[in-house]
Protein backbone atom coordinates (compact mmCIF):
# COMPACT_ATOMS: atom_id res chain seq x y z
CA MET A 1 -111.67 15.52 28.26
CA ASN A 2 -108.73 16.61 30.33
CA ILE A 3 -105.89 14.29 28.99
CA GLY A 4 -102.19 14.06 29.63
CA VAL A 5 -99.43 12.07 28.16
CA ILE A 6 -96.16 10.97 29.95
CA GLY A 7 -93.48 9.97 27.63
CA ALA A 8 -92.79 11.44 24.18
CA GLY A 9 -90.50 8.97 22.47
CA LYS A 10 -91.52 7.58 19.15
CA TRP A 11 -94.62 5.65 20.40
CA GLY A 12 -95.62 8.44 22.71
CA GLN A 13 -95.47 10.93 19.85
CA ALA A 14 -97.55 8.63 17.73
CA LEU A 15 -100.16 8.38 20.43
CA ILE A 16 -100.00 12.20 20.93
CA HIS A 17 -100.60 12.59 17.20
CA ALA A 18 -103.58 10.20 17.10
CA ILE A 19 -105.40 11.45 20.25
CA SER A 20 -104.81 15.14 19.43
CA ILE A 21 -106.94 14.73 16.43
CA LYS A 22 -109.87 14.85 18.62
CA HIS A 23 -108.55 16.29 21.96
CA THR A 24 -106.21 18.88 23.31
CA LEU A 25 -103.38 17.26 25.29
CA LYS A 26 -100.82 18.17 27.96
CA VAL A 27 -97.54 16.44 27.44
CA TYR A 28 -94.46 15.69 29.49
CA SER A 29 -91.34 13.82 28.94
CA ARG A 30 -87.82 13.92 30.43
CA GLN A 31 -86.36 15.37 27.28
CA THR A 32 -87.87 18.75 26.27
CA ARG A 33 -90.01 18.27 23.07
CA ASP A 34 -91.31 20.90 20.59
CA ILE A 35 -94.84 19.54 20.91
CA PRO A 36 -98.11 21.47 21.36
CA GLY A 37 -99.16 21.20 25.04
CA PHE A 38 -95.77 20.36 26.41
CA CYS A 39 -95.55 21.28 30.07
CA SER A 40 -94.37 20.30 33.47
CA LEU A 41 -95.06 16.82 35.07
CA ASP A 42 -97.05 18.43 37.79
CA GLU A 43 -99.49 19.82 35.26
CA VAL A 44 -99.85 16.57 33.41
CA LEU A 45 -100.52 14.78 36.75
CA GLN A 46 -103.48 17.02 37.35
CA CYS A 47 -105.20 15.65 34.31
CA ASP A 48 -108.22 13.35 34.86
CA PHE A 49 -106.86 10.84 32.17
CA ILE A 50 -103.22 10.08 31.64
CA ILE A 51 -101.48 7.87 29.03
CA VAL A 52 -98.13 6.54 30.13
CA SER A 53 -95.62 5.68 27.36
CA ILE A 54 -92.27 5.49 29.01
CA ALA A 55 -89.72 2.66 28.80
CA THR A 56 -90.80 -0.18 30.86
CA GLN A 57 -87.51 -0.53 32.86
CA HIS A 58 -87.96 3.05 34.12
CA ILE A 59 -91.54 2.87 35.16
CA ALA A 60 -91.03 1.51 38.82
CA THR A 61 -88.62 4.30 39.52
CA PHE A 62 -90.86 6.90 38.00
CA LEU A 63 -93.88 5.75 40.07
CA LYS A 64 -91.85 5.72 43.26
CA HIS A 65 -90.15 9.03 42.99
CA ASN A 66 -92.23 11.16 40.56
CA PHE A 67 -95.86 9.98 40.53
CA LYS A 68 -98.54 11.60 42.72
CA TYR A 69 -101.89 9.71 42.70
CA ASN A 70 -104.98 11.90 42.95
CA GLY A 71 -107.63 9.80 41.29
CA GLN A 72 -106.28 9.89 37.69
CA LYS A 73 -107.41 7.19 35.36
CA ILE A 74 -104.42 5.69 33.55
CA LEU A 75 -103.80 3.89 30.18
CA ILE A 76 -100.45 2.22 30.16
CA ALA A 77 -99.15 2.15 26.58
CA SER A 78 -95.70 0.72 27.59
CA LYS A 79 -94.82 -2.95 26.99
CA GLY A 80 -92.50 -5.32 28.81
CA ILE A 81 -91.56 -6.91 32.09
CA ASP A 82 -89.52 -5.18 34.80
CA ALA A 83 -86.22 -6.96 34.75
CA LYS A 84 -85.02 -5.84 38.05
CA GLN A 85 -88.07 -7.00 40.02
CA ASN A 86 -89.23 -9.61 37.36
CA LYS A 87 -92.68 -8.11 37.66
CA PHE A 88 -95.42 -7.37 35.18
CA LEU A 89 -96.56 -3.74 34.68
CA PHE A 90 -99.84 -4.41 36.27
CA GLU A 91 -98.17 -5.67 39.45
CA ILE A 92 -96.13 -2.37 39.55
CA PHE A 93 -98.88 0.00 38.79
CA GLU A 94 -101.28 -1.62 41.19
CA LYS A 95 -99.14 -0.50 44.07
CA TYR A 96 -99.91 3.10 43.33
CA VAL A 97 -103.26 3.12 41.45
CA PRO A 98 -106.46 1.27 42.06
CA VAL A 99 -107.17 -1.60 39.67
CA LYS A 100 -110.40 0.10 38.56
CA ASN A 101 -108.49 3.19 37.32
CA LEU A 102 -106.01 1.09 35.13
CA CYS A 103 -106.15 0.25 31.44
CA TYR A 104 -103.49 -1.47 29.12
CA LEU A 105 -103.04 -0.85 25.33
CA SER A 106 -101.78 -3.59 23.06
CA GLY A 107 -101.91 -4.68 19.56
CA PRO A 108 -99.99 -4.33 16.18
CA SER A 109 -98.91 -0.59 16.03
CA PHE A 110 -95.70 0.77 14.45
CA ALA A 111 -95.42 4.31 15.57
CA GLU A 112 -94.39 5.45 12.13
CA GLU A 113 -97.60 4.15 10.52
CA VAL A 114 -99.79 5.53 13.27
CA MET A 115 -98.13 9.02 12.56
CA LYS A 116 -99.09 8.67 8.97
CA ASP A 117 -102.81 8.00 9.83
CA LEU A 118 -102.59 4.51 8.44
CA PRO A 119 -105.34 2.14 9.78
CA THR A 120 -104.75 -0.38 12.38
CA ALA A 121 -106.69 -2.06 15.21
CA LEU A 122 -105.82 -2.02 18.96
CA VAL A 123 -107.03 -3.53 22.24
CA ILE A 124 -107.62 -1.81 25.47
CA SER A 125 -107.61 -4.36 28.36
CA SER A 126 -109.06 -3.60 31.72
CA HIS A 127 -111.04 -4.94 34.68
CA ASN A 128 -113.10 -1.70 34.26
CA LYS A 129 -115.02 -1.92 30.95
CA LYS A 130 -116.56 1.63 31.22
CA LEU A 131 -113.19 3.13 31.57
CA ALA A 132 -111.74 1.09 28.76
CA TYR A 133 -114.42 2.43 26.55
CA LYS A 134 -113.71 5.95 27.74
CA PHE A 135 -110.06 5.59 26.59
CA MET A 136 -111.26 3.84 23.35
CA SER A 137 -113.35 6.96 22.48
CA MET A 138 -110.19 9.08 22.44
CA PHE A 139 -108.75 7.37 19.37
CA PRO A 140 -109.51 8.49 15.87
CA ARG A 141 -111.37 6.50 13.25
CA THR A 142 -108.13 5.17 11.64
CA VAL A 143 -107.61 3.14 14.78
CA LYS A 144 -110.30 0.51 15.33
CA MET A 145 -110.51 -0.20 19.02
CA TYR A 146 -111.47 -3.36 20.87
CA TYR A 147 -112.11 -4.08 24.44
CA GLY A 148 -110.51 -7.02 26.28
CA LYS A 149 -110.75 -8.34 29.91
CA ASP A 150 -107.52 -10.33 29.92
CA VAL A 151 -105.03 -7.88 31.27
CA ILE A 152 -102.31 -10.41 32.12
CA GLY A 153 -102.69 -12.07 28.64
CA ALA A 154 -102.30 -8.64 26.92
CA GLU A 155 -99.26 -7.85 28.98
CA VAL A 156 -97.57 -11.28 28.29
CA CYS A 157 -98.14 -10.78 24.65
CA GLY A 158 -96.85 -7.15 24.51
CA ALA A 159 -93.79 -8.18 26.28
CA TYR A 160 -92.94 -11.67 24.79
CA LYS A 161 -93.37 -10.56 21.18
CA ASN A 162 -90.47 -8.26 21.46
CA VAL A 163 -88.11 -11.32 22.43
CA LEU A 164 -89.46 -13.35 19.58
CA ALA A 165 -88.83 -10.36 17.18
CA ILE A 166 -85.19 -10.40 18.24
CA ALA A 167 -85.12 -14.05 17.17
CA ALA A 168 -86.83 -13.38 13.89
CA GLY A 169 -84.27 -10.71 13.12
CA VAL A 170 -81.40 -13.16 13.79
CA SER A 171 -83.17 -15.70 11.41
CA ASP A 172 -83.42 -13.11 8.60
CA GLY A 173 -79.94 -11.69 9.29
CA MET A 174 -78.51 -15.10 8.83
CA ALA A 175 -80.58 -15.61 5.72
CA LEU A 176 -82.13 -18.77 6.94
CA GLY A 177 -85.07 -18.35 4.79
CA ASN A 178 -88.90 -17.81 4.88
CA ASN A 179 -89.57 -21.33 6.11
CA ALA A 180 -87.29 -20.83 9.17
CA ARG A 181 -88.86 -17.48 10.09
CA ALA A 182 -92.35 -18.89 9.71
CA SER A 183 -91.50 -21.86 11.81
CA LEU A 184 -89.88 -19.68 14.53
CA VAL A 185 -92.81 -17.32 14.66
CA ALA A 186 -95.44 -20.22 14.85
CA ARG A 187 -93.46 -21.94 17.63
CA GLY A 188 -92.84 -18.61 19.29
CA LEU A 189 -96.65 -18.08 19.54
CA VAL A 190 -97.03 -21.46 21.16
CA GLU A 191 -94.19 -20.65 23.49
CA MET A 192 -95.71 -17.23 24.43
CA TYR A 193 -99.01 -18.86 25.16
CA ARG A 194 -97.40 -21.70 27.27
CA PHE A 195 -95.71 -18.84 29.37
CA GLY A 196 -98.97 -16.83 29.72
CA LYS A 197 -101.02 -19.78 30.57
CA LYS A 198 -98.97 -20.27 33.68
CA PHE A 199 -100.02 -16.77 34.99
CA GLY A 200 -103.68 -17.28 34.16
CA ALA A 201 -103.82 -15.73 30.64
CA LYS A 202 -106.59 -16.79 28.32
CA LYS A 203 -105.91 -18.62 25.19
CA SER A 204 -107.99 -16.51 22.94
CA THR A 205 -105.77 -13.34 23.77
CA PHE A 206 -102.80 -15.06 22.04
CA PHE A 207 -104.58 -15.57 18.75
CA ASP A 208 -105.96 -12.11 18.45
CA LEU A 209 -104.53 -8.62 18.00
CA SER A 210 -102.53 -8.51 21.32
CA GLY A 211 -100.88 -11.82 20.50
CA ALA A 212 -100.69 -12.97 16.87
CA GLY A 213 -101.40 -9.53 15.47
CA ASP A 214 -98.57 -7.82 17.34
CA LEU A 215 -96.18 -10.72 16.99
CA PHE A 216 -96.68 -11.18 13.21
CA LEU A 217 -95.90 -7.47 12.75
CA THR A 218 -93.05 -6.99 15.07
CA ALA A 219 -91.29 -10.33 13.98
CA SER A 220 -91.56 -9.48 10.23
CA SER A 221 -90.24 -5.92 9.63
CA PRO A 222 -87.09 -3.89 10.03
CA MET A 223 -89.36 -1.12 11.30
CA SER A 224 -89.34 -3.13 14.53
CA ARG A 225 -86.51 -2.09 16.83
CA ASN A 226 -86.16 -5.53 18.33
CA TYR A 227 -86.10 -7.16 14.90
CA ARG A 228 -83.22 -4.79 13.92
CA VAL A 229 -81.39 -5.87 17.11
CA GLY A 230 -81.42 -9.53 16.04
CA TYR A 231 -80.63 -8.70 12.54
CA GLY A 232 -77.65 -6.60 13.54
CA LEU A 233 -76.30 -9.44 15.83
CA ALA A 234 -76.63 -11.94 12.91
CA ASN A 235 -74.39 -9.54 10.97
CA GLY A 236 -71.68 -9.39 13.49
CA LYS A 237 -72.49 -6.03 15.11
CA ASP A 238 -71.96 -5.45 18.77
CA LEU A 239 -75.11 -4.93 20.81
CA LYS A 240 -73.93 -1.67 22.13
CA ASP A 241 -73.10 -0.39 18.70
CA ILE A 242 -76.60 -1.37 17.40
CA LEU A 243 -78.40 0.36 20.23
CA GLU A 244 -76.33 3.56 19.70
CA GLU A 245 -77.08 3.46 16.01
CA MET A 246 -80.80 3.10 16.73
CA GLY A 247 -80.88 5.75 19.35
CA GLU A 248 -83.94 3.93 20.86
CA VAL A 249 -84.90 1.38 23.56
CA ALA A 250 -85.37 -2.25 22.41
CA GLU A 251 -87.64 -3.50 25.23
CA GLY A 252 -87.06 -7.25 24.20
CA ILE A 253 -83.52 -7.14 25.54
CA MET A 254 -84.37 -6.76 29.23
CA THR A 255 -87.59 -8.61 28.81
CA SER A 256 -85.74 -11.70 27.74
CA LYS A 257 -83.87 -11.70 30.97
CA ALA A 258 -87.11 -11.31 32.97
CA ILE A 259 -88.78 -14.15 31.06
CA HIS A 260 -85.84 -16.35 31.59
CA HIS A 261 -85.86 -15.67 35.22
CA LEU A 262 -89.59 -16.24 35.58
CA SER A 263 -89.56 -19.39 33.39
CA LYS A 264 -86.72 -20.91 35.63
CA ASN A 265 -88.66 -20.13 38.82
CA PHE A 266 -92.02 -21.42 37.52
CA LYS A 267 -90.49 -24.31 35.55
CA ILE A 268 -91.91 -23.15 32.16
CA TYR A 269 -90.32 -24.43 28.91
CA THR A 270 -89.41 -21.33 26.96
CA PRO A 271 -86.50 -22.43 24.63
CA ILE A 272 -86.64 -19.42 22.17
CA ALA A 273 -86.65 -16.72 24.96
CA PHE A 274 -83.83 -18.69 26.83
CA GLU A 275 -81.62 -18.81 23.67
CA VAL A 276 -82.28 -15.10 23.08
CA SER A 277 -81.24 -14.29 26.54
CA LYS A 278 -78.01 -16.30 26.04
CA LEU A 279 -77.45 -14.58 22.72
CA LEU A 280 -77.62 -11.15 24.41
CA ASP A 281 -75.20 -12.34 26.88
CA GLY A 282 -72.63 -13.09 24.16
CA GLN A 283 -73.52 -16.43 22.74
CA THR A 284 -72.95 -16.72 18.96
CA THR A 285 -75.95 -16.64 16.61
CA LYS A 286 -74.72 -19.87 15.09
CA GLN A 287 -74.74 -21.64 18.42
CA THR A 288 -78.17 -20.16 19.15
CA VAL A 289 -79.72 -21.62 16.06
CA GLU A 290 -78.02 -25.00 16.69
CA ASN A 291 -79.36 -25.08 20.14
CA LEU A 292 -82.87 -24.31 19.08
CA LEU A 293 -82.77 -27.01 16.27
CA ARG A 294 -81.84 -29.46 19.17
CA SER A 295 -84.43 -28.27 21.60
CA LYS A 296 -86.71 -31.00 22.86
CA LYS A 297 -90.32 -31.52 21.53
CA ILE A 298 -93.34 -30.91 23.82
CA LYS A 299 -96.20 -33.32 24.09
CA ASN A 300 -99.28 -32.13 22.10
CA ASN A 301 -97.00 -29.27 20.71
CA LEU A 302 -97.69 -27.26 23.98
C-alpha cells in the first residue's frame, strides 16, 4: 500500500517503526529527520493512506494552510482537544476530509515500548469499518488490533487520560501513597465517562483499551510525559522548566483548558480536570489536593 506519515516526533517514529516492518513509507515532519523515506509534504500528500501524528494544538493550522485533500484515507494518531476552538479532532478533520475516509487510533501505547517491539493492543475507531480494517492490517503482529465504532468515546478517552495523568503525577510527586493514586484514577475514569456521555460516547469504550487501558498506563508511569509534568510540579519545579527539560509536548496541559471550558458550557461536573487546569495556572499542589478532598459527592457515583 502507498502509505505516508505526517509527524515524526516520538509517537510518530514509533508508528513508523511498527508499520515499516510490513510496508515502505513516505515520511514528513517540520523538523528534518534521518528516517528512511523522509520526503516533502507534497509527496506524502500524494499517498493513498496517511497517518497523522502531529501535536493536537497544531492540527487546525496545518489542515487550513498545508493540507490538500485528494481522496486520501487518514488515520489520526494524535490525541487531545483543540484548546483554541474547544473542538474535538473529528470536528476539525471533518471540515476537510469526508467522514468515510477518517479513522482514529487509541489505546495504551508508550512510544518507547512500541519501538522495542513489545506487545500491546490498540483500537482503530471509525464509521467506516472496511477502512479501519485496512489500517489495522498495516500493523505488525506485536500490536493486536481491535475495531471500534465509538469515535467520540475514543477521542474523549485519548484526550482526558492525559489530564488525569498530570493529576496522578502530582499525587506520586507529593508521596500521597498508592491508595491516593488508585482512588484518583478510579474517580478519574468515572469523571472521564461523565464528560464523554454528554457528547454521546458509549460506556463500554471507557472500560476497554481506549479508556481504562490507556488511562491506567498513562497515569502510572514516569514514561508518560503528562505524569512527569504533574510529578515535577509536585516537586516545586516551574512548568516552563519541566517542558524545557522534557523537550516534548504534554498534550494534557492544553487539553485541561479545553475540558474546563466545555464542562463549564455544558454544565458537566469534572472536579479533577478543573483542579488540574487551576494547578497549571499557578495554584499550589497542596491547595489542589485540599480542593479535591472537599469536592462534592455525585449521586450514584456518576
